[in-house]
Amino acid sequence: MAKGPRSNLFRYETVAVLWKDAHARNQAVEYTEDEAKIQLHRGESVITLGLLLKEDEEGVSLYNEETGPDSIRGHSFIPRAMIVEIIRLGFLKRPPKSRKGPRDVSSPPPAGSAGET
């Protein structure tokens, strides 16, 4: 995957991957054959949010933390056959710095300010 410009908050694009995961239920519980055929014979729907490190015919690699100029943590690999949809959320930008100091969000804005409703 192509890296974004340095003005971005992260090096890679943010995506949400909707996919079907394998699952196992409690092995100590006994099920009837019909319960297993009807209720358990399906993948589990999962949504994973992350930064798209690589996408190819094998699948996608995501991560969720940048720990240095070329290091990451929180890697997940999702095989292509399990992916239902990839929603591209774009490159996250750092918000512009406010000229004012940080506002205490625990107290209401002063009377007459733009934040008043």
C-alpha atoms as a PDB file:
ATOM      1  CA  MET A   1       0.000   0.000   0.000  1.00  0.00           C
ATOM      2  CA  ALA A   2       1.192   3.466  -0.757  1.00  0.00           C
ATOM      3  CA  LYS A   3       2.197   5.671   2.102  1.00  0.00           C
ATOM      4  CA  GLY A   4       0.452   8.997   2.482  1.00  0.00           C
ATOM      5  CA  PRO A   5       2.080  12.421   2.736  1.00  0.00           C
ATOM      6  CA  ARG A   6       3.799  13.385   5.989  1.00  0.00           C
ATOM      7  CA  SER A   7       0.957  15.821   6.811  1.00  0.00           C
ATOM      8  CA  ASN A   8      -1.134  12.766   7.675  1.00  0.00           C
ATOM      9  CA  LEU A   9      -1.405  11.598  11.261  1.00  0.00           C
ATOM     10  CA  PHE A  10      -0.528   7.997  10.291  1.00  0.00           C
ATOM     11  CA  ARG A  11       1.580   6.594   7.458  1.00  0.00           C
ATOM     12  CA  TYR A  12      -1.197   4.400   5.997  1.00  0.00           C
ATOM     13  CA  GLU A  13      -4.880   4.640   5.087  1.00  0.00           C
ATOM     14  CA  THR A  14      -7.564   3.922   7.695  1.00  0.00           C
ATOM     15  CA  VAL A  15     -10.022   1.153   6.774  1.00  0.00           C
ATOM     16  CA  ALA A  16     -12.862  -0.837   8.280  1.00  0.00           C
ATOM     17  CA  VAL A  17     -12.859  -4.495   7.204  1.00  0.00           C
ATOM     18  CA  LEU A  18     -16.113  -6.440   7.430  1.00  0.00           C
ATOM     19  CA  TRP A  19     -15.355 -10.158   7.471  1.00  0.00           C
ATOM     20  CA  LYS A  20     -16.566 -13.586   8.533  1.00  0.00           C
ATOM     21  CA  ASP A  21     -14.474 -15.312  11.182  1.00  0.00           C
ATOM     22  CA  ALA A  22     -14.434 -18.952  12.142  1.00  0.00           C
ATOM     23  CA  HIS A  23     -15.703 -19.636  15.645  1.00  0.00           C
ATOM     24  CA  ALA A  24     -16.054 -22.355  18.217  1.00  0.00           C
ATOM     25  CA  ARG A  25     -18.647 -22.497  20.918  1.00  0.00           C
ATOM     26  CA  ASN A  26     -18.278 -23.972  24.370  1.00  0.00           C
ATOM     27  CA  GLN A  27     -16.975 -27.501  23.851  1.00  0.00           C
ATOM     28  CA  ALA A  28     -18.538 -28.666  27.126  1.00  0.00           C
ATOM     29  CA  VAL A  29     -22.059 -27.862  25.897  1.00  0.00           C
ATOM     30  CA  GLU A  30     -23.981 -30.559  24.067  1.00  0.00           C
ATOM     31  CA  TYR A  31     -25.994 -29.528  20.983  1.00  0.00           C
ATOM     32  CA  THR A  32     -28.522 -31.433  18.927  1.00  0.00           C
ATOM     33  CA  GLU A  33     -27.567 -32.015  15.304  1.00  0.00           C
ATOM     34  CA  ASP A  34     -30.327 -29.588  14.234  1.00  0.00           C
ATOM     35  CA  GLU A  35     -28.982 -26.844  16.531  1.00  0.00           C
ATOM     36  CA  ALA A  36     -25.516 -27.310  15.060  1.00  0.00           C
ATOM     37  CA  LYS A  37     -26.816 -27.315  11.467  1.00  0.00           C
ATOM     38  CA  ILE A  38     -29.112 -24.293  11.880  1.00  0.00           C
ATOM     39  CA  GLN A  39     -27.658 -22.057  14.613  1.00  0.00           C
ATOM     40  CA  LEU A  40     -23.930 -22.762  14.519  1.00  0.00           C
ATOM     41  CA  HIS A  41     -23.173 -23.440  10.848  1.00  0.00           C
ATOM     42  CA  ARG A  42     -22.110 -19.917   9.876  1.00  0.00           C
ATOM     43  CA  GLY A  43     -19.230 -17.526  10.191  1.00  0.00           C
ATOM     44  CA  GLU A  44     -19.197 -14.880  12.880  1.00  0.00           C
ATOM     45  CA  SER A  45     -19.519 -11.311  11.551  1.00  0.00           C
ATOM     46  CA  VAL A  46     -16.603  -9.105  12.597  1.00  0.00           C
ATOM     47  CA  ILE A  47     -15.659  -5.486  11.883  1.00  0.00           C
ATOM     48  CA  THR A  48     -11.989  -4.608  12.313  1.00  0.00           C
ATOM     49  CA  LEU A  49     -10.818  -0.997  12.195  1.00  0.00           C
ATOM     50  CA  GLY A  50      -7.166  -0.381  11.415  1.00  0.00           C
ATOM     51  CA  LEU A  51      -4.446   1.066   9.223  1.00  0.00           C
ATOM     52  CA  LEU A  52      -4.018  -0.812   5.940  1.00  0.00           C
ATOM     53  CA  LEU A  53      -0.406  -2.013   5.769  1.00  0.00           C
ATOM     54  CA  LYS A  54      -0.808  -4.424   2.826  1.00  0.00           C
ATOM     55  CA  GLU A  55      -3.584  -5.670   0.556  1.00  0.00           C
ATOM     56  CA  ASP A  56      -3.115  -8.427  -2.032  1.00  0.00           C
ATOM     57  CA  GLU A  57      -4.639 -11.708  -3.256  1.00  0.00           C
ATOM     58  CA  GLU A  58      -3.755 -13.369   0.078  1.00  0.00           C
ATOM     59  CA  GLY A  59      -5.673 -10.880   2.200  1.00  0.00           C
ATOM     60  CA  VAL A  60      -5.111  -7.712   4.197  1.00  0.00           C
ATOM     61  CA  SER A  61      -2.677  -6.787   6.952  1.00  0.00           C
ATOM     62  CA  LEU A  62      -3.799  -4.103   9.386  1.00  0.00           C
ATOM     63  CA  TYR A  63      -2.148  -2.510  12.384  1.00  0.00           C
ATOM     64  CA  ASN A  64      -3.328  -0.070  15.039  1.00  0.00           C
ATOM     65  CA  GLU A  65      -0.228   1.562  16.540  1.00  0.00           C
ATOM     66  CA  GLU A  66       2.817   3.279  15.076  1.00  0.00           C
ATOM     67  CA  THR A  67       5.718   3.043  17.514  1.00  0.00           C
ATOM     68  CA  GLY A  68       8.459   4.674  15.463  1.00  0.00           C
ATOM     69  CA  PRO A  69       9.346   5.796  11.953  1.00  0.00           C
ATOM     70  CA  ASP A  70       9.119   2.234  10.593  1.00  0.00           C
ATOM     71  CA  SER A  71       7.692   0.115  13.430  1.00  0.00           C
ATOM     72  CA  ILE A  72       4.128  -0.898  14.307  1.00  0.00           C
ATOM     73  CA  ARG A  73       2.103  -2.855  16.892  1.00  0.00           C
ATOM     74  CA  GLY A  74      -1.302  -4.520  16.907  1.00  0.00           C
ATOM     75  CA  HIS A  75      -0.992  -6.452  13.614  1.00  0.00           C
ATOM     76  CA  SER A  76      -3.949  -8.434  12.245  1.00  0.00           C
ATOM     77  CA  PHE A  77      -4.058 -10.529   9.074  1.00  0.00           C
ATOM     78  CA  ILE A  78      -7.417 -11.341   7.467  1.00  0.00           C
ATOM     79  CA  PRO A  79      -7.475 -13.914   4.632  1.00  0.00           C
ATOM     80  CA  ARG A  80      -9.065 -12.663   1.377  1.00  0.00           C
ATOM     81  CA  ALA A  81     -11.671 -15.467   1.326  1.00  0.00           C
ATOM     82  CA  MET A  82     -13.059 -14.251   4.671  1.00  0.00           C
ATOM     83  CA  ILE A  83     -13.462 -10.583   3.651  1.00  0.00           C
ATOM     84  CA  VAL A  84     -16.979  -9.335   2.901  1.00  0.00           C
ATOM     85  CA  GLU A  85     -16.129  -5.648   2.338  1.00  0.00           C
ATOM     86  CA  ILE A  86     -13.355  -3.109   2.846  1.00  0.00           C
ATOM     87  CA  ILE A  87     -14.535   0.414   3.637  1.00  0.00           C
ATOM     88  CA  ARG A  88     -11.841   2.998   2.906  1.00  0.00           C
ATOM     89  CA  LEU A  89     -11.943   5.844   5.420  1.00  0.00           C
ATOM     90  CA  GLY A  90      -8.962   7.728   3.996  1.00  0.00           C
ATOM     91  CA  PHE A  91      -5.859   9.184   5.574  1.00  0.00           C
ATOM     92  CA  LEU A  92      -6.376  10.802   8.960  1.00  0.00           C
ATOM     93  CA  LYS A  93      -5.107  14.370   9.175  1.00  0.00           C
ATOM     94  CA  ARG A  94      -3.848  16.060  12.293  1.00  0.00           C
ATOM     95  CA  PRO A  95      -6.426  18.730  13.292  1.00  0.00           C
ATOM     96  CA  PRO A  96      -5.192  22.329  13.085  1.00  0.00           C
ATOM     97  CA  LYS A  97      -3.825  23.752  16.303  1.00  0.00           C
ATOM     98  CA  SER A  98      -6.137  26.152  18.066  1.00  0.00           C
ATOM     99  CA  ARG A  99      -4.859  29.671  18.688  1.00  0.00           C
ATOM    100  CA  LYS A 100      -6.630  29.622  22.033  1.00  0.00           C
ATOM    101  CA  GLY A 101      -5.480  27.463  24.922  1.00  0.00           C
ATOM    102  CA  PRO A 102      -7.267  24.202  25.681  1.00  0.00           C
ATOM    103  CA  ARG A 103     -10.816  24.644  26.931  1.00  0.00           C
ATOM    104  CA  ASP A 104     -11.959  22.837  30.062  1.00  0.00           C
ATOM    105  CA  VAL A 105     -14.638  20.532  28.635  1.00  0.00           C
ATOM    106  CA  SER A 106     -16.070  19.830  32.083  1.00  0.00           C
ATOM    107  CA  SER A 107     -17.538  23.351  32.342  1.00  0.00           C
ATOM    108  CA  PRO A 108     -19.962  25.061  29.946  1.00  0.00           C
ATOM    109  CA  PRO A 109     -18.637  27.634  27.468  1.00  0.00           C
ATOM    110  CA  PRO A 110     -18.751  31.264  28.616  1.00  0.00           C
ATOM    111  CA  ALA A 111     -22.000  33.204  27.949  1.00  0.00           C
ATOM    112  CA  GLY A 112     -22.143  34.695  24.482  1.00  0.00           C
ATOM    113  CA  SER A 113     -19.573  32.269  23.032  1.00  0.00           C
ATOM    114  CA  ALA A 114     -20.037  30.396  19.776  1.00  0.00           C
ATOM    115  CA  GLY A 115     -20.476  27.098  21.640  1.00  0.00           C
ATOM    116  CA  GLU A 116     -23.704  28.256  23.330  1.00  0.00           C
ATOM    117  CA  THR A 117     -27.005  26.798  22.153  1.00  0.00           C
END
